[in-house]
C-alpha atoms as a PDB file:
ATOM      1  CA  MET A   1      91.563 119.249 108.954  1.00  0.00           C
ATOM      2  CA  PRO A   2      95.331 119.664 108.560  1.00  0.00           C
ATOM      3  CA  SER A   3      96.693 120.613 105.170  1.00  0.00           C
ATOM      4  CA  ILE A   4     100.251 119.624 104.226  1.00  0.00           C
ATOM      5  CA  LEU A   5     101.972 121.165 101.218  1.00  0.00           C
ATOM      6  CA  PHE A   6     105.167 119.585  99.843  1.00  0.00           C
ATOM      7  CA  VAL A   7     107.378 122.017  97.912  1.00  0.00           C
ATOM      8  CA  CYS A   8     110.359 121.633  95.581  1.00  0.00           C
ATOM      9  CA  THR A   9     111.647 123.661  92.649  1.00  0.00           C
ATOM     10  CA  ALA A  10     109.789 122.432  89.560  1.00  0.00           C
ATOM     11  CA  ASN A  11     107.073 120.327  91.218  1.00  0.00           C
ATOM     12  CA  ARG A  12     107.839 117.537  88.772  1.00  0.00           C
ATOM     13  CA  PHE A  13     109.884 115.041  90.811  1.00  0.00           C
ATOM     14  CA  ARG A  14     110.554 115.497  94.545  1.00  0.00           C
ATOM     15  CA  SER A  15     107.431 117.219  95.878  1.00  0.00           C
ATOM     16  CA  PRO A  16     104.876 115.237  93.833  1.00  0.00           C
ATOM     17  CA  LEU A  17     106.619 111.987  94.786  1.00  0.00           C
ATOM     18  CA  ALA A  18     106.646 112.994  98.461  1.00  0.00           C
ATOM     19  CA  ALA A  19     103.008 114.141  98.384  1.00  0.00           C
ATOM     20  CA  ILE A  20     101.628 111.037  96.700  1.00  0.00           C
ATOM     21  CA  TYR A  21     103.685 108.698  98.868  1.00  0.00           C
ATOM     22  CA  PHE A  22     102.626 110.507 102.038  1.00  0.00           C
ATOM     23  CA  ALA A  23      98.987 110.473 100.859  1.00  0.00           C
ATOM     24  CA  GLN A  24      99.227 106.724 100.265  1.00  0.00           C
ATOM     25  CA  LYS A  25     100.518 106.218 103.828  1.00  0.00           C
ATOM     26  CA  VAL A  26      97.731 108.416 105.199  1.00  0.00           C
ATOM     27  CA  VAL A  27      95.161 106.191 103.461  1.00  0.00           C
ATOM     28  CA  GLN A  28      96.902 102.988 104.599  1.00  0.00           C
ATOM     29  CA  ARG A  29      96.910 104.221 108.201  1.00  0.00           C
ATOM     30  CA  GLY A  30      93.263 105.304 108.056  1.00  0.00           C
ATOM     31  CA  ASP A  31      94.017 109.008 108.525  1.00  0.00           C
ATOM     32  CA  ASP A  32      92.630 109.966 105.108  1.00  0.00           C
ATOM     33  CA  GLN A  33      89.461 111.553 106.514  1.00  0.00           C
ATOM     34  CA  ASP A  34      91.607 114.100 108.314  1.00  0.00           C
ATOM     35  CA  PHE A  35      94.258 115.367 105.894  1.00  0.00           C
ATOM     36  CA  ARG A  36      94.667 117.381 102.705  1.00  0.00           C
ATOM     37  CA  ILE A  37      97.975 116.763 100.955  1.00  0.00           C
ATOM     38  CA  SER A  38      99.277 118.622  97.917  1.00  0.00           C
ATOM     39  CA  SER A  39     102.451 119.853  96.244  1.00  0.00           C
ATOM     40  CA  ALA A  40     103.786 122.887  94.409  1.00  0.00           C
ATOM     41  CA  GLY A  41     106.989 124.329  92.970  1.00  0.00           C
ATOM     42  CA  THR A  42     108.861 127.531  93.703  1.00  0.00           C
ATOM     43  CA  TRP A  43     110.105 127.938  90.159  1.00  0.00           C
ATOM     44  CA  THR A  44     107.904 126.129  87.701  1.00  0.00           C
ATOM     45  CA  VAL A  45     105.280 126.410  85.011  1.00  0.00           C
ATOM     46  CA  SER A  46     101.809 125.177  85.917  1.00  0.00           C
ATOM     47  CA  GLY A  47     100.451 122.156  84.084  1.00  0.00           C
ATOM     48  CA  GLU A  48     103.683 120.278  83.396  1.00  0.00           C
ATOM     49  CA  PRO A  49     103.661 116.488  83.959  1.00  0.00           C
ATOM     50  CA  ALA A  50     105.831 114.679  86.461  1.00  0.00           C
ATOM     51  CA  THR A  51     109.155 113.710  84.924  1.00  0.00           C
ATOM     52  CA  SER A  52     109.279 110.325  83.249  1.00  0.00           C
ATOM     53  CA  LYS A  53     111.778 109.228  85.910  1.00  0.00           C
ATOM     54  CA  ALA A  54     109.354 110.245  88.693  1.00  0.00           C
ATOM     55  CA  VAL A  55     106.550 108.294  87.016  1.00  0.00           C
ATOM     56  CA  GLU A  56     108.831 105.269  86.590  1.00  0.00           C
ATOM     57  CA  LEU A  57     110.167 105.358  90.155  1.00  0.00           C
ATOM     58  CA  GLY A  58     106.686 105.996  91.510  1.00  0.00           C
ATOM     59  CA  LYS A  59     105.413 102.828  89.830  1.00  0.00           C
ATOM     60  CA  ALA A  60     108.083 100.851  91.697  1.00  0.00           C
ATOM     61  CA  HIS A  61     106.311 101.927  94.900  1.00  0.00           C
ATOM     62  CA  ASP A  62     102.743 101.487  93.560  1.00  0.00           C
ATOM     63  CA  LEU A  63     102.351 105.242  93.061  1.00  0.00           C
ATOM     64  CA  ASN A  64     100.644 106.687  90.011  1.00  0.00           C
ATOM     65  CA  LEU A  65     102.143 110.041  89.048  1.00  0.00           C
ATOM     66  CA  SER A  66     100.911 109.865  85.449  1.00  0.00           C
ATOM     67  CA  LEU A  67      98.127 112.413  86.091  1.00  0.00           C
ATOM     68  CA  HIS A  68     100.252 114.876  88.083  1.00  0.00           C
ATOM     69  CA  LYS A  69     100.382 118.458  86.829  1.00  0.00           C
ATOM     70  CA  SER A  70     102.855 120.950  88.274  1.00  0.00           C
ATOM     71  CA  ARG A  71     101.596 123.982  90.199  1.00  0.00           C
ATOM     72  CA  VAL A  72     103.303 127.263  90.942  1.00  0.00           C
ATOM     73  CA  LEU A  73     103.567 128.034  94.652  1.00  0.00           C
ATOM     74  CA  THR A  74     101.203 130.929  95.387  1.00  0.00           C
ATOM     75  CA  SER A  75     100.157 132.927  98.415  1.00  0.00           C
ATOM     76  CA  GLU A  76      96.744 131.240  98.157  1.00  0.00           C
ATOM     77  CA  LEU A  77      98.258 127.749  98.364  1.00  0.00           C
ATOM     78  CA  LEU A  78     100.416 128.818 101.299  1.00  0.00           C
ATOM     79  CA  SER A  79      97.480 130.409 103.134  1.00  0.00           C
ATOM     80  CA  LYS A  80      95.615 127.091 102.997  1.00  0.00           C
ATOM     81  CA  ALA A  81      98.602 125.074 104.289  1.00  0.00           C
ATOM     82  CA  ASP A  82      99.060 124.281 107.958  1.00  0.00           C
ATOM     83  CA  LEU A  83     102.459 122.705 107.296  1.00  0.00           C
ATOM     84  CA  VAL A  84     104.809 123.329 104.376  1.00  0.00           C
ATOM     85  CA  LEU A  85     107.541 120.729 103.862  1.00  0.00           C
ATOM     86  CA  VAL A  86     110.328 121.862 101.548  1.00  0.00           C
ATOM     87  CA  MET A  87     113.163 119.941  99.954  1.00  0.00           C
ATOM     88  CA  GLU A  88     115.907 122.592 100.144  1.00  0.00           C
ATOM     89  CA  SER A  89     116.914 125.377 102.512  1.00  0.00           C
ATOM     90  CA  GLY A  90     116.634 127.784  99.567  1.00  0.00           C
ATOM     91  CA  HIS A  91     112.927 126.948  99.269  1.00  0.00           C
ATOM     92  CA  GLN A  92     112.475 127.593 102.979  1.00  0.00           C
ATOM     93  CA  GLU A  93     114.347 130.897 102.842  1.00  0.00           C
ATOM     94  CA  ALA A  94     112.402 132.101  99.803  1.00  0.00           C
ATOM     95  CA  ILE A  95     109.019 131.269 101.324  1.00  0.00           C
ATOM     96  CA  ILE A  96     109.834 132.883 104.665  1.00  0.00           C
ATOM     97  CA  HIS A  97     111.308 135.954 102.961  1.00  0.00           C
ATOM     98  CA  GLU A  98     108.245 136.505 100.782  1.00  0.00           C
ATOM     99  CA  PHE A  99     105.669 135.274 103.314  1.00  0.00           C
ATOM    100  CA  PRO A 100     106.968 135.987 106.848  1.00  0.00           C
ATOM    101  CA  ALA A 101     103.779 134.588 108.401  1.00  0.00           C
ATOM    102  CA  MET A 102     104.856 131.126 107.147  1.00  0.00           C
ATOM    103  CA  LYS A 103     108.032 131.084 109.271  1.00  0.00           C
ATOM    104  CA  ASN A 104     106.789 128.640 111.909  1.00  0.00           C
ATOM    105  CA  LYS A 105     104.935 126.484 109.379  1.00  0.00           C
ATOM    106  CA  THR A 106     107.735 125.919 106.845  1.00  0.00           C
ATOM    107  CA  LEU A 107     110.300 123.192 107.506  1.00  0.00           C
ATOM    108  CA  LEU A 108     112.763 121.127 105.586  1.00  0.00           C
ATOM    109  CA  LEU A 109     111.415 117.595 105.187  1.00  0.00           C
ATOM    110  CA  THR A 110     114.477 116.315 107.047  1.00  0.00           C
ATOM    111  CA  GLU A 111     113.747 118.625 110.021  1.00  0.00           C
ATOM    112  CA  ALA A 112     110.091 117.661 110.179  1.00  0.00           C
ATOM    113  CA  VAL A 113     110.969 113.987 110.572  1.00  0.00           C
ATOM    114  CA  GLY A 114     113.492 114.648 113.333  1.00  0.00           C
ATOM    115  CA  PHE A 115     116.783 114.670 111.450  1.00  0.00           C
ATOM    116  CA  PRO A 116     119.279 117.539 111.275  1.00  0.00           C
ATOM    117  CA  PRO A 117     118.412 120.122 108.599  1.00  0.00           C
ATOM    118  CA  ALA A 118     119.633 118.917 105.203  1.00  0.00           C
ATOM    119  CA  ASP A 119     118.576 119.376 101.603  1.00  0.00           C
ATOM    120  CA  VAL A 120     116.994 116.578  99.606  1.00  0.00           C
ATOM    121  CA  PRO A 121     119.000 117.008  96.400  1.00  0.00           C
ATOM    122  CA  ASP A 122     117.419 117.748  93.053  1.00  0.00           C
ATOM    123  CA  PRO A 123     118.418 114.946  90.654  1.00  0.00           C
ATOM    124  CA  TYR A 124     118.135 117.409  87.766  1.00  0.00           C
ATOM    125  CA  SER A 125     120.533 120.043  89.096  1.00  0.00           C
ATOM    126  CA  THR A 126     122.952 117.776  90.991  1.00  0.00           C
ATOM    127  CA  SER A 127     124.744 114.551  90.230  1.00  0.00           C
ATOM    128  CA  GLU A 128     122.520 112.663  92.676  1.00  0.00           C
ATOM    129  CA  PRO A 129     120.849 109.691  90.944  1.00  0.00           C
ATOM    130  CA  ALA A 130     117.061 110.005  90.751  1.00  0.00           C
ATOM    131  CA  VAL A 131     116.536 106.562  92.285  1.00  0.00           C
ATOM    132  CA  GLN A 132     118.607 107.578  95.312  1.00  0.00           C
ATOM    133  CA  VAL A 133     116.618 110.784  95.754  1.00  0.00           C
ATOM    134  CA  ALA A 134     113.311 108.897  95.476  1.00  0.00           C
ATOM    135  CA  ASN A 135     114.486 106.330  98.023  1.00  0.00           C
ATOM    136  CA  GLU A 136     115.616 109.108 100.376  1.00  0.00           C
ATOM    137  CA  ILE A 137     112.209 110.807 100.216  1.00  0.00           C
ATOM    138  CA  ILE A 138     110.408 107.527 100.877  1.00  0.00           C
ATOM    139  CA  SER A 139     112.759 106.643 103.723  1.00  0.00           C
ATOM    140  CA  LEU A 140     112.299 110.070 105.344  1.00  0.00           C
ATOM    141  CA  ILE A 141     108.522 109.759 105.169  1.00  0.00           C
ATOM    142  CA  ASP A 142     108.575 106.171 106.439  1.00  0.00           C
ATOM    143  CA  SER A 143     110.751 107.056 109.419  1.00  0.00           C
ATOM    144  CA  GLY A 144     109.012 110.317 110.262  1.00  0.00           C
ATOM    145  CA  TYR A 145     105.387 109.718 109.300  1.00  0.00           C
ATOM    146  CA  GLN A 146     104.009 110.086 112.817  1.00  0.00           C
ATOM    147  CA  LYS A 147     106.138 113.169 113.508  1.00  0.00           C
ATOM    148  CA  ILE A 148     104.713 114.845 110.404  1.00  0.00           C
ATOM    149  CA  ILE A 149     101.165 113.881 111.422  1.00  0.00           C
ATOM    150  CA  ASP A 150     101.654 115.194 114.965  1.00  0.00           C
ATOM    151  CA  LEU A 151     103.260 118.423 113.755  1.00  0.00           C
ATOM    152  CA  ALA A 152     100.464 119.047 111.254  1.00  0.00           C
ATOM    153  CA  TRP A 153      97.822 118.591 113.967  1.00  0.00           C
ATOM    154  CA  GLU A 154      99.736 120.870 116.351  1.00  0.00           C
ATOM    155  CA  LEU A 155     100.007 123.634 113.742  1.00  0.00           C
ATOM    156  CA  THR A 156      96.350 123.218 112.782  1.00  0.00           C
ATOM    157  CA  ARG A 157      95.272 123.641 116.410  1.00  0.00           C
ATOM    158  CA  GLU A 158      97.470 126.755 116.718  1.00  0.00           C
ATOM    159  CA  HIS A 159      96.018 128.148 113.492  1.00  0.00           C
ATOM    160  CA  ASN A 160      92.459 127.513 114.685  1.00  0.00           C
ATOM    161  CA  LYS A 161      93.223 129.070 118.084  1.00  0.00           C
ATOM    162  CA  ASP A 162      94.612 132.186 116.370  1.00  0.00           C
ATOM    163  CA  SER A 163      91.491 132.383 114.177  1.00  0.00           C
ATOM    164  CA  ASP A 164      89.114 132.376 117.154  1.00  0.00           C
END
């Protein structure tokens, strides 16, 4: 069963929004028996709620982020992930630097869906409007859903082959 981990900085806007939206698509497509989807943050405090803007923008897409609690990215979470989708190149670099075994499993969300590598901006540390960031995440997942699914299965098979 493939496990996909979405990662951003605080795990309060981008990665929880991406994870819940992707999970919703997995259920809608009938793939929900086969996937584990979660999120975490590279620089966060565990137990914090999603931002009010994330909750508000999630509702516009029938997503309920009101129960989300942030999680710190740990080696345990990474070891359980077959595919790690990050929002910024800095997240990717940090994960690969600290956990070299994750190199082939950690991609920018934009890369995973077939676009050139690019950061999904943080609306809290850039001037990018939150609604634009949310729409970008949803658009990336909509356009690259099957690519993410296929990549997760491929990495899971490789992981299982290496474990044998």
